[in-house]
Protein backbone atom coordinates (compact mmCIF):
# COMPACT_ATOMS: atom_id res chain seq x y z
CA MET A 1 -133.42 -2.27 -4.00
CA ASN A 2 -134.30 -3.58 -7.45
CA GLY A 3 -135.46 -0.11 -8.43
CA VAL A 4 -132.15 1.43 -7.35
CA ARG A 5 -130.20 -1.34 -9.10
CA ASN A 6 -132.15 -0.83 -12.31
CA TRP A 7 -131.71 2.96 -12.11
CA ILE A 8 -127.92 2.56 -11.77
CA GLN A 9 -127.78 -0.15 -14.45
CA GLU A 10 -129.62 2.08 -16.91
CA ARG A 11 -127.18 4.93 -16.45
CA ILE A 12 -124.02 2.83 -16.05
CA PRO A 13 -124.62 -0.13 -18.38
CA VAL A 14 -121.85 -2.35 -17.03
CA SER A 15 -122.72 -5.73 -15.53
CA GLY A 16 -120.81 -7.49 -12.78
CA VAL A 17 -119.66 -10.16 -15.22
CA GLU A 18 -118.28 -7.57 -17.64
CA LEU A 19 -116.53 -5.73 -14.83
CA ALA A 20 -114.97 -8.99 -13.60
CA GLU A 21 -113.69 -9.74 -17.10
CA VAL A 22 -112.02 -6.33 -17.30
CA THR A 23 -110.44 -6.37 -13.83
CA ASN A 24 -109.83 -10.06 -13.16
CA GLU A 25 -106.76 -10.44 -15.35
CA PRO A 26 -104.90 -13.79 -15.22
CA VAL A 27 -101.70 -13.45 -13.16
CA PRO A 28 -98.54 -15.54 -13.83
CA ASN A 29 -97.75 -18.15 -11.19
CA HIS A 30 -94.42 -16.60 -10.16
CA LEU A 31 -96.33 -13.72 -8.54
CA ARG A 32 -97.51 -16.14 -5.85
CA ARG A 33 -94.09 -15.46 -4.34
CA TRP A 34 -94.49 -12.16 -2.47
CA TRP A 35 -90.98 -10.90 -3.29
CA PHE A 36 -92.06 -10.62 -6.93
CA CYS A 37 -94.92 -8.30 -5.92
CA LEU A 38 -92.71 -5.26 -5.31
CA GLY A 39 -94.57 -3.28 -7.98
CA GLY A 40 -97.63 -2.88 -5.76
CA THR A 41 -95.60 -2.04 -2.64
CA PRO A 42 -94.43 1.46 -3.71
CA ALA A 43 -97.94 2.20 -5.02
CA TYR A 44 -99.40 1.42 -1.60
CA LEU A 45 -96.72 3.49 0.15
CA PHE A 46 -97.39 6.34 -2.30
CA VAL A 47 -101.02 6.38 -1.14
CA VAL A 48 -99.81 6.49 2.49
CA GLN A 49 -97.57 9.41 1.53
CA ILE A 50 -100.46 11.31 -0.03
CA VAL A 51 -102.77 10.79 2.97
CA THR A 52 -100.16 11.68 5.61
CA GLY A 53 -98.84 14.51 3.45
CA ILE A 54 -102.29 16.12 3.27
CA LEU A 55 -102.59 15.89 7.07
CA LEU A 56 -99.14 17.48 7.52
CA ALA A 57 -99.98 20.23 5.01
CA VAL A 58 -102.77 21.44 7.33
CA TYR A 59 -100.13 22.73 9.78
CA TYR A 60 -97.00 23.16 7.65
CA GLN A 61 -96.07 26.72 6.61
CA PRO A 62 -93.68 26.81 3.61
CA SER A 63 -91.34 29.74 4.20
CA PRO A 64 -87.84 30.02 5.71
CA GLU A 65 -89.23 32.04 8.62
CA THR A 66 -92.00 29.61 9.58
CA ALA A 67 -91.08 26.16 8.18
CA TYR A 68 -88.95 24.94 11.08
CA GLU A 69 -91.33 26.21 13.75
CA SER A 70 -94.35 24.66 12.02
CA VAL A 71 -92.61 21.28 11.82
CA ARG A 72 -91.63 21.58 15.48
CA ARG A 73 -95.25 22.33 16.36
CA ILE A 74 -96.42 19.29 14.37
CA THR A 75 -93.86 17.10 16.12
CA GLU A 76 -94.25 18.36 19.69
CA GLU A 77 -97.68 20.00 20.08
CA VAL A 78 -100.26 18.74 17.56
CA ASN A 79 -102.15 15.63 18.71
CA TYR A 80 -100.53 12.59 17.06
CA GLY A 81 -98.53 14.96 14.86
CA TRP A 82 -95.31 13.12 15.75
CA TYR A 83 -96.90 9.85 14.61
CA ILE A 84 -98.20 11.23 11.29
CA ARG A 85 -94.85 12.85 10.54
CA SER A 86 -92.97 9.67 11.48
CA VAL A 87 -95.22 7.49 9.30
CA HIS A 88 -94.70 9.95 6.44
CA LYS A 89 -90.94 9.80 6.89
CA TRP A 90 -90.72 6.00 7.11
CA ALA A 91 -93.17 5.48 4.24
CA ALA A 92 -90.89 7.67 2.10
CA THR A 93 -87.86 5.59 3.11
CA LEU A 94 -89.58 2.28 2.36
CA MET A 95 -91.07 3.64 -0.87
CA ILE A 96 -87.65 4.63 -2.20
CA ALA A 97 -86.20 1.26 -1.17
CA SER A 98 -89.07 -0.68 -2.77
CA VAL A 99 -88.84 1.27 -6.05
CA ILE A 100 -85.10 0.55 -6.22
CA LEU A 101 -85.67 -3.15 -5.44
CA HIS A 102 -88.50 -3.36 -7.98
CA GLN A 103 -86.32 -1.84 -10.69
CA MET A 104 -83.56 -4.31 -9.79
CA ARG A 105 -86.01 -7.21 -10.01
CA VAL A 106 -87.14 -6.06 -13.45
CA TYR A 107 -83.51 -5.74 -14.53
CA PHE A 108 -82.29 -9.13 -13.31
CA THR A 109 -85.30 -11.00 -14.73
CA GLY A 110 -84.94 -9.32 -18.13
CA ALA A 111 -88.48 -7.92 -17.95
CA TYR A 112 -87.31 -4.77 -19.77
CA ARG A 113 -86.70 -6.57 -23.07
CA ARG A 114 -88.81 -6.29 -26.19
CA PRO A 115 -91.61 -5.17 -26.27
CA ARG A 116 -91.33 -3.56 -22.82
CA GLU A 117 -88.53 -1.06 -23.47
CA ILE A 118 -90.78 2.00 -23.10
CA ASN A 119 -92.17 0.76 -19.80
CA TRP A 120 -88.62 0.34 -18.50
CA MET A 121 -87.96 4.02 -19.32
CA ILE A 122 -91.17 5.02 -17.57
CA GLY A 123 -90.02 3.00 -14.56
CA MET A 124 -86.73 4.90 -14.62
CA CYS A 125 -88.68 8.19 -14.67
CA LEU A 126 -90.66 6.98 -11.65
CA LEU A 127 -87.41 6.11 -9.86
CA LEU A 128 -85.98 9.60 -10.50
CA CYS A 129 -89.24 11.25 -9.40
CA THR A 130 -89.21 9.16 -6.22
CA LEU A 131 -85.65 10.26 -5.41
CA LEU A 132 -86.52 13.90 -6.12
CA ILE A 133 -89.64 13.78 -3.98
CA GLY A 134 -87.51 12.36 -1.16
CA PHE A 135 -84.94 15.13 -1.59
CA THR A 136 -87.51 17.96 -1.66
CA GLY A 137 -89.35 16.53 1.35
CA TYR A 138 -86.12 16.34 3.34
CA SER A 139 -85.42 19.98 2.43
CA LEU A 140 -88.77 21.28 3.73
CA VAL A 141 -87.90 20.88 7.43
CA PHE A 142 -85.37 23.74 7.22
CA GLU A 143 -82.92 22.01 9.53
CA GLN A 144 -79.21 22.68 9.41
CA LEU A 145 -78.36 19.54 7.43
CA SER A 146 -81.31 19.87 5.03
CA TYR A 147 -80.44 23.53 4.33
CA TRP A 148 -76.82 22.76 3.56
CA GLY A 149 -77.78 19.60 1.69
CA ALA A 150 -79.95 21.69 -0.63
CA THR A 151 -77.11 24.20 -1.02
CA VAL A 152 -74.67 21.43 -1.97
CA ALA A 153 -77.20 19.95 -4.42
CA ALA A 154 -77.62 23.37 -6.08
CA ASN A 155 -73.85 23.73 -6.40
CA ILE A 156 -73.68 20.29 -8.00
CA CYS A 157 -76.34 21.37 -10.50
CA ASP A 158 -74.20 24.43 -11.27
CA MET A 159 -71.39 22.12 -12.46
CA ILE A 160 -73.50 20.76 -15.33
CA PRO A 161 -72.17 22.21 -18.60
CA PHE A 162 -74.38 24.70 -20.47
CA VAL A 163 -77.55 24.25 -18.37
CA GLY A 164 -76.02 24.16 -14.88
CA ARG A 165 -76.78 27.76 -13.94
CA LEU A 166 -80.37 27.43 -15.14
CA ALA A 167 -80.82 24.17 -13.21
CA LYS A 168 -79.51 25.82 -10.04
CA GLN A 169 -81.85 28.80 -10.47
CA LEU A 170 -84.83 26.51 -11.07
CA LEU A 171 -84.01 24.50 -7.94
CA LEU A 172 -83.38 27.44 -5.58
CA ALA A 173 -85.74 29.97 -7.22
CA GLY A 174 -82.69 32.22 -7.56
CA ASP A 175 -78.91 32.22 -7.60
CA GLU A 176 -78.71 31.25 -3.92
CA TYR A 177 -80.91 30.02 -1.09
CA ASN A 178 -83.53 32.75 -0.49
CA GLU A 179 -87.05 33.36 0.82
CA ASN A 180 -88.55 31.69 -2.28
CA THR A 181 -86.55 28.46 -2.03
CA VAL A 182 -88.68 26.65 0.56
CA PRO A 183 -91.95 27.50 -1.29
CA ARG A 184 -90.29 26.21 -4.49
CA PHE A 185 -89.41 22.92 -2.78
CA TYR A 186 -92.94 22.72 -1.37
CA ILE A 187 -94.59 23.16 -4.78
CA LEU A 188 -92.30 20.51 -6.24
CA HIS A 189 -92.84 18.11 -3.34
CA ALA A 190 -96.60 18.52 -2.82
CA ALA A 191 -97.88 19.22 -6.35
CA ILE A 192 -95.61 18.88 -9.39
CA LEU A 193 -93.77 15.65 -8.55
CA PRO A 194 -96.83 13.75 -7.17
CA ALA A 195 -98.92 14.77 -10.21
CA THR A 196 -96.10 13.67 -12.53
CA MET A 197 -95.83 10.35 -10.72
CA ILE A 198 -99.58 9.74 -10.97
CA LEU A 199 -99.51 10.36 -14.74
CA LEU A 200 -96.48 8.08 -15.14
CA LEU A 201 -98.17 5.38 -13.04
CA VAL A 202 -101.29 5.50 -15.21
CA VAL A 203 -99.20 4.99 -18.36
CA HIS A 204 -97.03 2.37 -16.61
CA ILE A 205 -100.04 0.29 -15.53
CA ALA A 206 -101.73 0.71 -18.92
CA LEU A 207 -98.67 -0.69 -20.70
CA ILE A 208 -98.50 -3.57 -18.22
CA ARG A 209 -102.13 -4.38 -19.04
CA MET A 210 -101.40 -4.22 -22.77
CA HIS A 211 -98.23 -6.34 -22.72
CA GLY A 212 -99.05 -8.45 -19.69
CA VAL A 213 -96.66 -9.32 -16.87
CA SER A 214 -93.38 -10.98 -17.90
CA GLU A 215 -93.73 -14.67 -17.08
CA LEU A 216 -91.05 -16.62 -15.23
CA LYS A 217 -90.80 -20.39 -14.92
CA PHE A 218 -89.33 -22.22 -11.92
CA GLU A 219 -88.00 -25.75 -11.60
CA ASP A 220 -90.77 -26.81 -9.22
CA GLU A 221 -93.49 -25.89 -11.74
CA THR A 222 -94.94 -28.64 -13.91
CA ASP A 223 -95.68 -28.08 -17.58
CA ASP A 224 -99.11 -29.68 -17.36
CA GLY A 225 -100.31 -27.43 -14.50
CA PRO A 226 -102.07 -24.08 -14.93
CA GLY A 227 -99.66 -21.22 -15.69
CA HIS A 228 -101.88 -18.48 -14.28
CA TYR A 229 -104.28 -17.75 -11.46
CA ASP A 230 -107.00 -15.14 -10.98
CA PHE A 231 -106.21 -11.62 -9.87
CA PHE A 232 -109.29 -11.61 -7.63
CA PRO A 233 -109.38 -12.98 -5.02
CA ASP A 234 -106.02 -14.83 -5.05
CA HIS A 235 -103.54 -12.10 -6.01
CA PHE A 236 -105.67 -9.43 -4.35
CA TYR A 237 -105.25 -11.29 -1.05
CA THR A 238 -101.45 -11.32 -1.53
CA GLU A 239 -101.39 -7.55 -2.09
CA LEU A 240 -103.78 -7.02 0.83
CA ILE A 241 -101.53 -9.02 3.19
CA ILE A 242 -98.46 -7.08 2.00
CA GLY A 243 -100.33 -3.82 2.66
CA LEU A 244 -101.33 -4.88 6.17
CA VAL A 245 -97.78 -6.00 6.99
CA LEU A 246 -96.46 -2.67 5.71
CA MET A 247 -98.94 -0.75 7.85
CA ILE A 248 -97.83 -2.67 10.95
CA LEU A 249 -94.17 -2.13 10.03
CA LEU A 250 -94.73 1.61 9.49
CA SER A 251 -96.48 1.92 12.85
CA VAL A 252 -93.67 0.06 14.65
CA LEU A 253 -90.95 2.15 12.98
CA ALA A 254 -92.83 5.39 13.62
CA THR A 255 -93.25 4.50 17.29
CA VAL A 256 -89.81 3.06 18.02
CA PHE A 257 -87.82 5.43 15.77
CA PRO A 258 -89.93 8.62 15.53
CA ALA A 259 -88.91 11.62 13.46
CA ILE A 260 -87.04 14.14 15.58
CA MET A 261 -86.01 17.76 15.18
CA GLY A 262 -82.44 18.69 14.29
CA PRO A 263 -80.85 22.13 14.74
CA ARG A 264 -82.54 24.98 12.90
CA ALA A 265 -80.88 26.03 9.63
CA ASP A 266 -78.13 28.60 10.08
CA PRO A 267 -76.77 30.02 6.79
CA LEU A 268 -73.77 31.50 8.65
CA THR A 269 -72.59 28.22 10.22
CA THR A 270 -71.46 25.36 8.00
CA PRO A 271 -71.81 21.93 9.70
CA GLU A 272 -68.64 19.93 10.23
CA VAL A 273 -70.27 16.96 8.48
CA ILE A 274 -72.77 17.29 5.65
CA LYS A 275 -74.47 14.04 4.74
CA PRO A 276 -77.52 13.59 2.52
CA GLU A 277 -80.26 11.04 3.07
CA TRP A 278 -79.17 7.40 2.69
CA PHE A 279 -80.49 7.06 -0.87
CA PHE A 280 -77.95 9.67 -2.05
CA TYR A 281 -74.97 8.18 -0.20
CA ALA A 282 -73.57 6.48 -3.32
CA THR A 283 -73.91 9.67 -5.37
CA PHE A 284 -72.28 11.76 -2.63
CA ARG A 285 -69.35 9.35 -2.33
CA TRP A 286 -68.92 9.35 -6.13
CA LEU A 287 -68.72 13.16 -6.10
CA LYS A 288 -66.00 13.01 -3.44
CA LEU A 289 -63.92 10.53 -5.43
CA PHE A 290 -63.67 12.56 -8.63
CA SER A 291 -63.42 16.17 -9.72
CA GLY A 292 -66.68 18.12 -9.90
CA THR A 293 -67.31 18.30 -13.65
CA PHE A 294 -66.16 14.74 -14.37
CA ALA A 295 -68.23 13.37 -11.47
CA VAL A 296 -71.38 15.17 -12.64
CA LEU A 297 -70.91 14.20 -16.31
CA SER A 298 -70.15 10.57 -15.44
CA MET A 299 -73.26 10.40 -13.25
CA GLY A 300 -75.32 11.80 -16.12
CA PHE A 301 -73.81 9.20 -18.43
CA ILE A 302 -74.70 6.41 -15.96
CA VAL A 303 -78.31 7.62 -15.82
CA PHE A 304 -78.42 7.76 -19.63
CA VAL A 305 -77.10 4.19 -19.84
CA MET A 306 -79.73 3.03 -17.35
CA PHE A 307 -82.51 4.64 -19.39
CA THR A 308 -81.33 3.08 -22.66
CA TRP A 309 -80.30 -0.28 -21.20
CA PRO A 310 -82.93 -2.36 -23.08
CA PHE A 311 -81.29 -1.34 -26.38
CA ILE A 312 -77.75 -1.69 -25.02
CA ASP A 313 -78.66 -5.17 -23.75
CA THR A 314 -79.87 -6.20 -27.21
CA LEU A 315 -76.60 -4.97 -28.75
CA LEU A 316 -74.43 -6.70 -26.12
CA ARG A 317 -76.21 -10.04 -26.52
CA ARG A 318 -75.88 -9.81 -30.29
CA VAL A 319 -72.15 -8.98 -30.18
CA THR A 320 -71.01 -11.25 -27.33
CA ARG A 321 -73.56 -14.04 -27.85
CA ILE A 322 -73.79 -14.28 -24.05
CA GLU A 323 -77.49 -14.34 -23.22
CA GLU A 324 -77.09 -13.40 -19.55
CA ILE A 325 -74.34 -10.80 -19.91
CA SER A 326 -76.62 -8.14 -18.41
CA VAL A 327 -76.96 -10.21 -15.24
CA TRP A 328 -73.19 -10.19 -14.67
CA ILE A 329 -72.96 -6.46 -15.41
CA GLY A 330 -75.86 -5.89 -13.01
CA ILE A 331 -74.13 -7.88 -10.23
CA VAL A 332 -71.05 -5.67 -10.59
CA GLY A 333 -73.25 -2.56 -10.56
CA VAL A 334 -75.09 -3.64 -7.40
CA PHE A 335 -71.80 -4.40 -5.61
CA LEU A 336 -70.51 -0.92 -6.53
CA LEU A 337 -73.76 0.71 -5.37
CA VAL A 338 -73.69 -1.14 -2.04
CA ALA A 339 -69.96 -0.47 -1.57
CA LEU A 340 -70.27 3.28 -2.22
CA THR A 341 -73.34 3.53 0.02
CA THR A 342 -71.66 1.62 2.86
CA TRP A 343 -68.45 3.62 2.47
CA GLU A 344 -70.27 6.95 2.76
CA ALA A 345 -72.34 5.68 5.70
CA LEU A 346 -69.28 4.59 7.68
CA VAL A 347 -66.92 7.48 6.94
CA PRO A 348 -67.61 10.44 9.28
CA HIS A 349 -66.41 13.12 6.80
């Protein structure tokens, strides 16, 4: 054993002590509370998505002629295919929810402020990629609602001034839904978007390591006590417990509420009710409230404001001299988001 250890040490000259110093970064005390550990939750669910997605890709056939039948075979014939598909579906749902909650936590704790503005923008890119990967995955089943949902999304893209037609063609691989659309969604869902997210995550984590985690103080903390604790084993155990709880939750959801098959896509029959997945409810309701071009432009403006909020926040605090003005604006924004989502969920048409 000593010979093997020496052979490895000679070729990889890193000792255990040095490795511990690199990886065992001090963690602020507020992360002992699990609800502040939402950054690791979507990363864990992303790994679940990759593993289950690879298993599903063994049987999935990305073309309009074969997509629906291959998903039906996975769901009804392949051993444990229904379970793998259901875990994939619920992991996507929880991943989107956890990314949204994590971004909200960062917003309401002011963790986007100097010098972390760039990391906030990277987080926004990760949020958009997560929503897009959810949309493209939903569109791969080639069910009636997913087909018409993709058609509606392409028509929305077409309303964007100047680049709308190009955006629609890039999304559908043509001017309308055709034989190349499902393969286009598949490439986006299984290759381009995951690779983009991995690159963004690497940069995101690197910046967190450079700047450190934003530290929060609570009333029950004493000034003379230690302000940090070790990543390993203390924080590692927290993340491990969260991962185990998520795995149990995913298994329960996949078993009790498994993914089912809807009607096969029929381009000649428009459904009476077209509803997107829940994470687009607010957007869909917004589009129904206003005219097409205004709704699309206003949504683009909202996304732009969210990206540049660290700089807008600095300006608002300087002008109003209200330190927590962003918190009040955020509360209004969350109420609007919840209201629009609930409205769309409850209204049948």
